[in-house]
Amino acid sequence: MGLWTLLEGLLLVANALAILNEERFLAPKGWSFSDFSGGKTKSFKGQLTGLIYATQYLRVPLILLNGISIFLKLVSG
């Protein structure tokens, strides 16, 4: 496994986190951002919820990174 494969895997995980819907998936399971507005953001669940929301706000850079990744795959094979 090379560095490029690891970066592609991280990009896929970021894509998976970016498409999670709060109303349909996160809120019924207790993972909504409003549940962690207090001092509970230090817990692992609070940190993971923050990561999910950070990836949702960074969708435009993810689209660009996906385009670059697809282009490099097409060129290099």
PDB file of N, CA and C in Angstrom:
ATOM      1  N   MET A   1       0.844  -1.171   0.000  1.00  0.00           N
ATOM      2  CA  MET A   1       0.000   0.000   0.000  1.00  0.00           C
ATOM      3  C   MET A   1       0.888   1.233   0.000  1.00  0.00           C
ATOM      4  N   GLY A   2       0.685   2.076  -0.936  1.00  0.00           N
ATOM      5  CA  GLY A   2       1.493   3.280  -1.042  1.00  0.00           C
ATOM      6  C   GLY A   2       0.799   4.491  -0.456  1.00  0.00           C
ATOM      7  N   LEU A   3       1.482   5.593  -0.539  1.00  0.00           N
ATOM      8  CA  LEU A   3       0.954   6.848  -0.010  1.00  0.00           C
ATOM      9  C   LEU A   3      -0.274   7.291  -0.801  1.00  0.00           C
ATOM     10  N   TRP A   4      -0.258   7.100  -2.117  1.00  0.00           N
ATOM     11  CA  TRP A   4      -1.396   7.505  -2.932  1.00  0.00           C
ATOM     12  C   TRP A   4      -2.642   6.717  -2.556  1.00  0.00           C
ATOM     13  N   THR A   5      -2.515   5.434  -2.289  1.00  0.00           N
ATOM     14  CA  THR A   5      -3.651   4.606  -1.885  1.00  0.00           C
ATOM     15  C   THR A   5      -4.200   5.062  -0.543  1.00  0.00           C
ATOM     16  N   LEU A   6      -3.325   5.415   0.368  1.00  0.00           N
ATOM     17  CA  LEU A   6      -3.755   5.912   1.668  1.00  0.00           C
ATOM     18  C   LEU A   6      -4.500   7.241   1.522  1.00  0.00           C
ATOM     19  N   LEU A   7      -4.013   8.137   0.677  1.00  0.00           N
ATOM     20  CA  LEU A   7      -4.687   9.414   0.456  1.00  0.00           C
ATOM     21  C   LEU A   7      -6.045   9.224  -0.209  1.00  0.00           C
ATOM     22  N   GLU A   8      -6.147   8.285  -1.128  1.00  0.00           N
ATOM     23  CA  GLU A   8      -7.439   7.988  -1.747  1.00  0.00           C
ATOM     24  C   GLU A   8      -8.421   7.430  -0.726  1.00  0.00           C
ATOM     25  N   GLY A   9      -7.951   6.596   0.162  1.00  0.00           N
ATOM     26  CA  GLY A   9      -8.809   6.056   1.216  1.00  0.00           C
ATOM     27  C   GLY A   9      -9.317   7.147   2.144  1.00  0.00           C
ATOM     28  N   LEU A  10      -8.443   8.090   2.516  1.00  0.00           N
ATOM     29  CA  LEU A  10      -8.866   9.205   3.359  1.00  0.00           C
ATOM     30  C   LEU A  10      -9.865  10.097   2.632  1.00  0.00           C
ATOM     31  N   LEU A  11      -9.686  10.263   1.342  1.00  0.00           N
ATOM     32  CA  LEU A  11     -10.632  11.049   0.546  1.00  0.00           C
ATOM     33  C   LEU A  11     -11.991  10.359   0.503  1.00  0.00           C
ATOM     34  N   LEU A  12     -12.008   9.057   0.393  1.00  0.00           N
ATOM     35  CA  LEU A  12     -13.274   8.319   0.403  1.00  0.00           C
ATOM     36  C   LEU A  12     -13.980   8.425   1.751  1.00  0.00           C
ATOM     37  N   VAL A  13     -13.231   8.381   2.838  1.00  0.00           N
ATOM     38  CA  VAL A  13     -13.829   8.536   4.175  1.00  0.00           C
ATOM     39  C   VAL A  13     -14.393   9.947   4.332  1.00  0.00           C
ATOM     40  N   ALA A  14     -13.672  10.951   3.854  1.00  0.00           N
ATOM     41  CA  ALA A  14     -14.159  12.330   3.922  1.00  0.00           C
ATOM     42  C   ALA A  14     -15.431  12.489   3.097  1.00  0.00           C
ATOM     43  N   ASN A  15     -15.501  11.840   1.946  1.00  0.00           N
ATOM     44  CA  ASN A  15     -16.722  11.874   1.138  1.00  0.00           C
ATOM     45  C   ASN A  15     -17.882  11.221   1.866  1.00  0.00           C
ATOM     46  N   ALA A  16     -17.622  10.117   2.522  1.00  0.00           N
ATOM     47  CA  ALA A  16     -18.677   9.417   3.258  1.00  0.00           C
ATOM     48  C   ALA A  16     -19.209  10.275   4.403  1.00  0.00           C
ATOM     49  N   LEU A  17     -18.339  10.989   5.094  1.00  0.00           N
ATOM     50  CA  LEU A  17     -18.775  11.848   6.188  1.00  0.00           C
ATOM     51  C   LEU A  17     -19.517  13.078   5.674  1.00  0.00           C
ATOM     52  N   ALA A  18     -19.155  13.557   4.503  1.00  0.00           N
ATOM     53  CA  ALA A  18     -19.752  14.776   3.964  1.00  0.00           C
ATOM     54  C   ALA A  18     -21.198  14.567   3.503  1.00  0.00           C
ATOM     55  N   ILE A  19     -21.571  13.355   3.159  1.00  0.00           N
ATOM     56  CA  ILE A  19     -22.917  13.140   2.635  1.00  0.00           C
ATOM     57  C   ILE A  19     -23.918  12.706   3.698  1.00  0.00           C
ATOM     58  N   LEU A  20     -23.502  12.583   4.946  1.00  0.00           N
ATOM     59  CA  LEU A  20     -24.432  12.191   5.996  1.00  0.00           C
ATOM     60  C   LEU A  20     -25.452  13.298   6.225  1.00  0.00           C
ATOM     61  N   ASN A  21     -26.709  12.942   6.290  1.00  0.00           N
ATOM     62  CA  ASN A  21     -27.793  13.897   6.472  1.00  0.00           C
ATOM     63  C   ASN A  21     -28.147  13.961   7.958  1.00  0.00           C
ATOM     64  N   GLU A  22     -28.232  15.182   8.489  1.00  0.00           N
ATOM     65  CA  GLU A  22     -28.502  15.327   9.922  1.00  0.00           C
ATOM     66  C   GLU A  22     -29.911  14.880  10.291  1.00  0.00           C
ATOM     67  N   GLU A  23     -30.908  15.287   9.529  1.00  0.00           N
ATOM     68  CA  GLU A  23     -32.291  14.968   9.886  1.00  0.00           C
ATOM     69  C   GLU A  23     -32.595  13.478   9.754  1.00  0.00           C
ATOM     70  N   ARG A  24     -32.034  12.852   8.744  1.00  0.00           N
ATOM     71  CA  ARG A  24     -32.375  11.452   8.487  1.00  0.00           C
ATOM     72  C   ARG A  24     -31.479  10.466   9.218  1.00  0.00           C
ATOM     73  N   PHE A  25     -30.230  10.841   9.470  1.00  0.00           N
ATOM     74  CA  PHE A  25     -29.306   9.859  10.030  1.00  0.00           C
ATOM     75  C   PHE A  25     -28.744  10.266  11.390  1.00  0.00           C
ATOM     76  N   LEU A  26     -28.255  11.486  11.499  1.00  0.00           N
ATOM     77  CA  LEU A  26     -27.534  11.870  12.709  1.00  0.00           C
ATOM     78  C   LEU A  26     -28.443  12.163  13.896  1.00  0.00           C
ATOM     79  N   ALA A  27     -29.503  12.935  13.706  1.00  0.00           N
ATOM     80  CA  ALA A  27     -30.374  13.336  14.812  1.00  0.00           C
ATOM     81  C   ALA A  27     -31.091  12.159  15.478  1.00  0.00           C
ATOM     82  N   PRO A  28     -31.648  11.203  14.728  1.00  0.00           N
ATOM     83  CA  PRO A  28     -32.305  10.076  15.410  1.00  0.00           C
ATOM     84  C   PRO A  28     -31.353   9.230  16.261  1.00  0.00           C
ATOM     85  N   LYS A  29     -30.097   9.249  15.938  1.00  0.00           N
ATOM     86  CA  LYS A  29     -29.133   8.461  16.703  1.00  0.00           C
ATOM     87  C   LYS A  29     -28.459   9.270  17.810  1.00  0.00           C
ATOM     88  N   GLY A  30     -28.843  10.551  17.956  1.00  0.00           N
ATOM     89  CA  GLY A  30     -28.277  11.395  19.001  1.00  0.00           C
ATOM     90  C   GLY A  30     -26.935  12.002  18.643  1.00  0.00           C
ATOM     91  N   TRP A  31     -26.652  12.155  17.371  1.00  0.00           N
ATOM     92  CA  TRP A  31     -25.368  12.687  16.913  1.00  0.00           C
ATOM     93  C   TRP A  31     -25.497  14.085  16.316  1.00  0.00           C
ATOM     94  N   SER A  32     -26.587  14.809  16.617  1.00  0.00           N
ATOM     95  CA  SER A  32     -26.752  16.137  16.041  1.00  0.00           C
ATOM     96  C   SER A  32     -25.819  17.126  16.739  1.00  0.00           C
ATOM     97  N   PHE A  33     -25.485  18.174  16.028  1.00  0.00           N
ATOM     98  CA  PHE A  33     -24.531  19.157  16.538  1.00  0.00           C
ATOM     99  C   PHE A  33     -25.111  19.947  17.700  1.00  0.00           C
ATOM    100  N   SER A  34     -26.428  20.097  17.740  1.00  0.00           N
ATOM    101  CA  SER A  34     -27.055  20.830  18.836  1.00  0.00           C
ATOM    102  C   SER A  34     -26.947  20.081  20.167  1.00  0.00           C
ATOM    103  N   ASP A  35     -26.787  18.772  20.118  1.00  0.00           N
ATOM    104  CA  ASP A  35     -26.612  17.988  21.344  1.00  0.00           C
ATOM    105  C   ASP A  35     -25.265  18.254  22.003  1.00  0.00           C
ATOM    106  N   PHE A  36     -24.309  18.756  21.251  1.00  0.00           N
ATOM    107  CA  PHE A  36     -22.959  18.961  21.760  1.00  0.00           C
ATOM    108  C   PHE A  36     -22.579  20.435  21.825  1.00  0.00           C
ATOM    109  N   SER A  37     -23.566  21.289  22.007  1.00  0.00           N
ATOM    110  CA  SER A  37     -23.272  22.725  22.046  1.00  0.00           C
ATOM    111  C   SER A  37     -22.633  23.141  23.367  1.00  0.00           C
ATOM    112  N   GLY A  38     -22.816  22.382  24.410  1.00  0.00           N
ATOM    113  CA  GLY A  38     -22.252  22.716  25.709  1.00  0.00           C
ATOM    114  C   GLY A  38     -20.806  22.280  25.834  1.00  0.00           C
ATOM    115  N   GLY A  39     -20.415  21.844  27.008  1.00  0.00           N
ATOM    116  CA  GLY A  39     -19.048  21.427  27.262  1.00  0.00           C
ATOM    117  C   GLY A  39     -18.768  19.983  26.934  1.00  0.00           C
ATOM    118  N   LYS A  40     -19.704  19.325  26.255  1.00  0.00           N
ATOM    119  CA  LYS A  40     -19.536  17.905  25.945  1.00  0.00           C
ATOM    120  C   LYS A  40     -18.721  17.660  24.683  1.00  0.00           C
ATOM    121  N   THR A  41     -18.139  18.699  24.111  1.00  0.00           N
ATOM    122  CA  THR A  41     -17.391  18.521  22.871  1.00  0.00           C
ATOM    123  C   THR A  41     -16.032  17.879  23.102  1.00  0.00           C
ATOM    124  N   LYS A  42     -15.638  17.699  24.340  1.00  0.00           N
ATOM    125  CA  LYS A  42     -14.342  17.076  24.633  1.00  0.00           C
ATOM    126  C   LYS A  42     -14.401  15.555  24.521  1.00  0.00           C
ATOM    127  N   SER A  43     -15.602  14.987  24.534  1.00  0.00           N
ATOM    128  CA  SER A  43     -15.728  13.541  24.449  1.00  0.00           C
ATOM    129  C   SER A  43     -15.433  13.074  23.018  1.00  0.00           C
ATOM    130  N   PHE A  44     -15.239  11.778  22.868  1.00  0.00           N
ATOM    131  CA  PHE A  44     -14.958  11.214  21.549  1.00  0.00           C
ATOM    132  C   PHE A  44     -16.140  11.411  20.614  1.00  0.00           C
ATOM    133  N   LYS A  45     -17.343  11.214  21.135  1.00  0.00           N
ATOM    134  CA  LYS A  45     -18.540  11.387  20.319  1.00  0.00           C
ATOM    135  C   LYS A  45     -18.680  12.847  19.881  1.00  0.00           C
ATOM    136  N   GLY A  46     -18.369  13.785  20.757  1.00  0.00           N
ATOM    137  CA  GLY A  46     -18.421  15.195  20.411  1.00  0.00           C
ATOM    138  C   GLY A  46     -17.375  15.569  19.375  1.00  0.00           C
ATOM    139  N   GLN A  47     -16.178  15.017  19.504  1.00  0.00           N
ATOM    140  CA  GLN A  47     -15.121  15.281  18.525  1.00  0.00           C
ATOM    141  C   GLN A  47     -15.483  14.705  17.159  1.00  0.00           C
ATOM    142  N   LEU A  48     -16.066  13.510  17.139  1.00  0.00           N
ATOM    143  CA  LEU A  48     -16.467  12.888  15.879  1.00  0.00           C
ATOM    144  C   LEU A  48     -17.605  13.660  15.223  1.00  0.00           C
ATOM    145  N   THR A  49     -18.536  14.168  16.025  1.00  0.00           N
ATOM    146  CA  THR A  49     -19.611  14.996  15.486  1.00  0.00           C
ATOM    147  C   THR A  49     -19.057  16.282  14.890  1.00  0.00           C
ATOM    148  N   GLY A  50     -18.084  16.879  15.541  1.00  0.00           N
ATOM    149  CA  GLY A  50     -17.433  18.065  14.993  1.00  0.00           C
ATOM    150  C   GLY A  50     -16.723  17.777  13.680  1.00  0.00           C
ATOM    151  N   LEU A  51     -16.095  16.617  13.584  1.00  0.00           N
ATOM    152  CA  LEU A  51     -15.433  16.213  12.337  1.00  0.00           C
ATOM    153  C   LEU A  51     -16.443  16.031  11.206  1.00  0.00           C
ATOM    154  N   ILE A  52     -17.582  15.444  11.513  1.00  0.00           N
ATOM    155  CA  ILE A  52     -18.629  15.255  10.506  1.00  0.00           C
ATOM    156  C   ILE A  52     -19.107  16.602   9.990  1.00  0.00           C
ATOM    157  N   TYR A  53     -19.338  17.545  10.889  1.00  0.00           N
ATOM    158  CA  TYR A  53     -19.814  18.860  10.459  1.00  0.00           C
ATOM    159  C   TYR A  53     -18.732  19.650   9.743  1.00  0.00           C
ATOM    160  N   ALA A  54     -17.488  19.450  10.097  1.00  0.00           N
ATOM    161  CA  ALA A  54     -16.404  20.131   9.381  1.00  0.00           C
ATOM    162  C   ALA A  54     -16.312  19.640   7.941  1.00  0.00           C
ATOM    163  N   THR A  55     -16.474  18.333   7.736  1.00  0.00           N
ATOM    164  CA  THR A  55     -16.421  17.818   6.368  1.00  0.00           C
ATOM    165  C   THR A  55     -17.632  18.254   5.565  1.00  0.00           C
ATOM    166  N   GLN A  56     -18.770  18.465   6.227  1.00  0.00           N
ATOM    167  CA  GLN A  56     -19.942  18.938   5.499  1.00  0.00           C
ATOM    168  C   GLN A  56     -19.774  20.386   5.056  1.00  0.00           C
ATOM    169  N   TYR A  57     -19.058  21.188   5.807  1.00  0.00           N
ATOM    170  CA  TYR A  57     -18.819  22.569   5.406  1.00  0.00           C
ATOM    171  C   TYR A  57     -17.740  22.675   4.328  1.00  0.00           C
ATOM    172  N   LEU A  58     -16.913  21.669   4.195  1.00  0.00           N
ATOM    173  CA  LEU A  58     -15.826  21.698   3.215  1.00  0.00           C
ATOM    174  C   LEU A  58     -16.149  20.877   1.975  1.00  0.00           C
ATOM    175  N   ARG A  59     -17.376  20.963   1.509  1.00  0.00           N
ATOM    176  CA  ARG A  59     -17.776  20.168   0.347  1.00  0.00           C
ATOM    177  C   ARG A  59     -17.128  20.641  -0.946  1.00  0.00           C
ATOM    178  N   VAL A  60     -16.956  21.953  -1.108  1.00  0.00           N
ATOM    179  CA  VAL A  60     -16.359  22.472  -2.344  1.00  0.00           C
ATOM    180  C   VAL A  60     -14.904  22.004  -2.495  1.00  0.00           C
ATOM    181  N   PRO A  61     -14.067  22.095  -1.449  1.00  0.00           N
ATOM    182  CA  PRO A  61     -12.715  21.529  -1.599  1.00  0.00           C
ATOM    183  C   PRO A  61     -12.732  20.019  -1.845  1.00  0.00           C
ATOM    184  N   LEU A  62     -13.709  19.316  -1.265  1.00  0.00           N
ATOM    185  CA  LEU A  62     -13.806  17.876  -1.522  1.00  0.00           C
ATOM    186  C   LEU A  62     -14.136  17.604  -2.986  1.00  0.00           C
ATOM    187  N   ILE A  63     -14.994  18.422  -3.571  1.00  0.00           N
ATOM    188  CA  ILE A  63     -15.318  18.253  -4.987  1.00  0.00           C
ATOM    189  C   ILE A  63     -14.073  18.461  -5.837  1.00  0.00           C
ATOM    190  N   LEU A  64     -13.296  19.483  -5.498  1.00  0.00           N
ATOM    191  CA  LEU A  64     -12.054  19.738  -6.240  1.00  0.00           C
ATOM    192  C   LEU A  64     -11.056  18.593  -6.077  1.00  0.00           C
ATOM    193  N   LEU A  65     -10.903  18.096  -4.852  1.00  0.00           N
ATOM    194  CA  LEU A  65      -9.985  16.982  -4.626  1.00  0.00           C
ATOM    195  C   LEU A  65     -10.437  15.718  -5.342  1.00  0.00           C
ATOM    196  N   ASN A  66     -11.747  15.494  -5.402  1.00  0.00           N
ATOM    197  CA  ASN A  66     -12.263  14.350  -6.155  1.00  0.00           C
ATOM    198  C   ASN A  66     -11.961  14.494  -7.637  1.00  0.00           C
ATOM    199  N   GLY A  67     -12.126  15.690  -8.162  1.00  0.00           N
ATOM    200  CA  GLY A  67     -11.815  15.928  -9.577  1.00  0.00           C
ATOM    201  C   GLY A  67     -10.352  15.706  -9.888  1.00  0.00           C
ATOM    202  N   ILE A  68      -9.478  16.186  -9.010  1.00  0.00           N
ATOM    203  CA  ILE A  68      -8.035  15.977  -9.194  1.00  0.00           C
ATOM    204  C   ILE A  68      -7.701  14.492  -9.124  1.00  0.00           C
ATOM    205  N   SER A  69      -8.307  13.797  -8.171  1.00  0.00           N
ATOM    206  CA  SER A  69      -8.056  12.367  -8.018  1.00  0.00           C
ATOM    207  C   SER A  69      -8.513  11.588  -9.257  1.00  0.00           C
ATOM    208  N   ILE A  70      -9.677  11.925  -9.776  1.00  0.00           N
ATOM    209  CA  ILE A  70     -10.179  11.252 -10.972  1.00  0.00           C
ATOM    210  C   ILE A  70      -9.279  11.543 -12.165  1.00  0.00           C
ATOM    211  N   PHE A  71      -8.869  12.797 -12.314  1.00  0.00           N
ATOM    212  CA  PHE A  71      -7.993  13.158 -13.424  1.00  0.00           C
ATOM    213  C   PHE A  71      -6.664  12.415 -13.347  1.00  0.00           C
ATOM    214  N   LEU A  72      -6.066  12.341 -12.158  1.00  0.00           N
ATOM    215  CA  LEU A  72      -4.797  11.631 -12.015  1.00  0.00           C
ATOM    216  C   LEU A  72      -4.946  10.139 -12.264  1.00  0.00           C
ATOM    217  N   LYS A  73      -6.083   9.572 -11.874  1.00  0.00           N
ATOM    218  CA  LYS A  73      -6.320   8.155 -12.157  1.00  0.00           C
ATOM    219  C   LYS A  73      -6.452   7.905 -13.652  1.00  0.00           C
ATOM    220  N   LEU A  74      -7.119   8.834 -14.354  1.00  0.00           N
ATOM    221  CA  LEU A  74      -7.274   8.674 -15.800  1.00  0.00           C
ATOM    222  C   LEU A  74      -5.943   8.805 -16.525  1.00  0.00           C
ATOM    223  N   VAL A  75      -5.098   9.727 -16.055  1.00  0.00           N
ATOM    224  CA  VAL A  75      -3.818   9.966 -16.718  1.00  0.00           C
ATOM    225  C   VAL A  75      -2.836   8.835 -16.420  1.00  0.00           C
ATOM    226  N   SER A  76      -2.740   8.460 -15.146  1.00  0.00           N
ATOM    227  CA  SER A  76      -1.718   7.482 -14.765  1.00  0.00           C
ATOM    228  C   SER A  76      -2.170   6.038 -14.945  1.00  0.00           C
ATOM    229  N   GLY A  77      -3.444   5.808 -14.933  1.00  0.00           N
ATOM    230  CA  GLY A  77      -3.929   4.451 -15.159  1.00  0.00           C
ATOM    231  C   GLY A  77      -4.158   3.680 -13.963  1.00  0.00           C
TER     232      GLY A  77
END
